[in-house]
Amino acid sequence: MRRYLVALLLFLPGTAFAARTLRDLAGNIIDLINLIIPLLFALAILGFFWGLTYNFFLRPGSKEGQDAGKKIMLWGIVAMFVMASVWGILRILRTSIFGS
């Protein structure tokens, strides 16, 4: 977490100085988030399938394993929903700020 914060702090000033207007800065930040969201979406799908395969198919008799698998799958679905919502909100913001 600390690495990501340091990378973000190092990246943002360069983005701010490279941007000529606030609109350019907003576009750069939205582009950055649009690059990160598919990666997080892939991790959420991977987590969902991890919960499904490992805890249901590889350890079928374990009640604790099945409960843990259900939790992992539920949080994977929640993460996918949140990221799809964020992606949609960013698309709406981008079209309202920059037009088509």
Protein backbone atom coordinates (compact mmCIF):
# COMPACT_ATOMS: atom_id res chain seq x y z
CA MET A 1 0.00 0.00 0.00
CA ARG A 2 2.82 2.35 0.86
CA ARG A 3 4.44 1.72 -2.54
CA TYR A 4 1.27 2.65 -4.37
CA LEU A 5 0.89 5.82 -2.36
CA VAL A 6 4.48 6.83 -3.09
CA ALA A 7 4.02 6.04 -6.79
CA LEU A 8 0.82 8.08 -6.86
CA LEU A 9 2.48 11.02 -5.11
CA LEU A 10 5.37 10.89 -7.55
CA PHE A 11 3.04 10.60 -10.57
CA LEU A 12 0.51 13.32 -9.79
CA PRO A 13 2.81 16.37 -9.80
CA GLY A 14 4.10 15.42 -13.24
CA THR A 15 0.55 15.05 -14.44
CA ALA A 16 -0.43 18.39 -12.96
CA PHE A 17 2.47 20.20 -14.59
CA ALA A 18 1.92 18.46 -17.91
CA ALA A 19 -1.74 19.44 -17.94
CA ARG A 20 -2.47 22.86 -19.36
CA THR A 21 -5.93 23.18 -17.93
CA LEU A 22 -8.04 21.61 -15.25
CA ARG A 23 -9.83 19.76 -18.03
CA ASP A 24 -6.55 18.17 -19.14
CA LEU A 25 -5.75 17.16 -15.56
CA ALA A 26 -9.20 15.60 -15.13
CA GLY A 27 -8.74 13.74 -18.41
CA ASN A 28 -5.35 12.41 -17.31
CA ILE A 29 -6.72 11.20 -13.98
CA ILE A 30 -9.71 9.55 -15.66
CA ASP A 31 -7.36 7.86 -18.16
CA LEU A 32 -5.24 6.54 -15.29
CA ILE A 33 -8.28 5.16 -13.49
CA ASN A 34 -9.53 3.62 -16.74
CA LEU A 35 -6.21 1.75 -16.98
CA ILE A 36 -6.41 0.45 -13.42
CA ILE A 37 -10.05 -0.69 -13.40
CA PRO A 38 -9.66 -3.61 -15.88
CA LEU A 39 -6.78 -4.97 -13.80
CA LEU A 40 -8.86 -4.81 -10.64
CA PHE A 41 -11.80 -6.34 -12.49
CA ALA A 42 -9.59 -9.27 -13.55
CA LEU A 43 -8.46 -9.73 -9.93
CA ALA A 44 -12.10 -9.77 -8.77
CA ILE A 45 -12.98 -12.42 -11.34
CA LEU A 46 -9.93 -14.41 -10.34
CA GLY A 47 -10.99 -14.17 -6.68
CA PHE A 48 -14.50 -15.32 -7.54
CA PHE A 49 -13.23 -18.36 -9.39
CA TRP A 50 -10.70 -19.04 -6.63
CA GLY A 51 -13.52 -19.19 -4.13
CA LEU A 52 -15.51 -21.41 -6.45
CA THR A 53 -12.88 -23.93 -7.47
CA TYR A 54 -10.62 -24.20 -4.47
CA ASN A 55 -13.19 -24.17 -1.72
CA PHE A 56 -16.04 -26.02 -3.44
CA PHE A 57 -14.39 -28.46 -5.81
CA LEU A 58 -11.03 -29.17 -4.22
CA ARG A 59 -12.30 -29.30 -0.61
CA PRO A 60 -15.92 -30.40 -0.98
CA GLY A 61 -16.42 -31.99 2.45
CA SER A 62 -15.18 -29.08 4.54
CA LYS A 63 -18.01 -26.91 5.87
CA GLU A 64 -15.55 -24.16 6.88
CA GLY A 65 -14.00 -24.24 3.42
CA GLN A 66 -17.38 -23.89 1.78
CA ASP A 67 -18.30 -20.96 4.01
CA ALA A 68 -14.99 -19.29 3.23
CA GLY A 69 -15.58 -19.96 -0.47
CA LYS A 70 -19.01 -18.35 -0.29
CA LYS A 71 -17.52 -15.26 1.33
CA ILE A 72 -14.78 -15.00 -1.29
CA MET A 73 -17.29 -15.42 -4.09
CA LEU A 74 -19.64 -12.84 -2.57
CA TRP A 75 -16.86 -10.26 -2.21
CA GLY A 76 -15.71 -11.01 -5.75
CA ILE A 77 -19.21 -10.25 -7.04
CA VAL A 78 -19.40 -7.09 -4.91
CA ALA A 79 -16.00 -5.95 -6.23
CA MET A 80 -17.07 -6.56 -9.84
CA PHE A 81 -20.28 -4.58 -9.27
CA VAL A 82 -18.43 -1.67 -7.67
CA MET A 83 -15.83 -1.53 -10.43
CA ALA A 84 -18.45 -1.70 -13.18
CA SER A 85 -20.29 1.13 -11.42
CA VAL A 86 -17.12 3.22 -11.13
CA TRP A 87 -16.37 2.58 -14.79
CA GLY A 88 -19.86 3.75 -15.73
CA ILE A 89 -19.63 6.84 -13.54
CA LEU A 90 -16.27 7.72 -15.09
CA ARG A 91 -17.73 7.30 -18.56
CA ILE A 92 -20.61 9.62 -17.65
CA LEU A 93 -18.16 12.18 -16.21
CA ARG A 94 -15.95 11.97 -19.26
CA THR A 95 -18.82 12.53 -21.67
CA SER A 96 -20.25 15.37 -19.59
CA ILE A 97 -16.87 17.12 -19.24
CA PHE A 98 -15.38 16.46 -22.66
CA GLY A 99 -18.43 15.77 -24.80
CA SER A 100 -18.59 12.75 -27.06
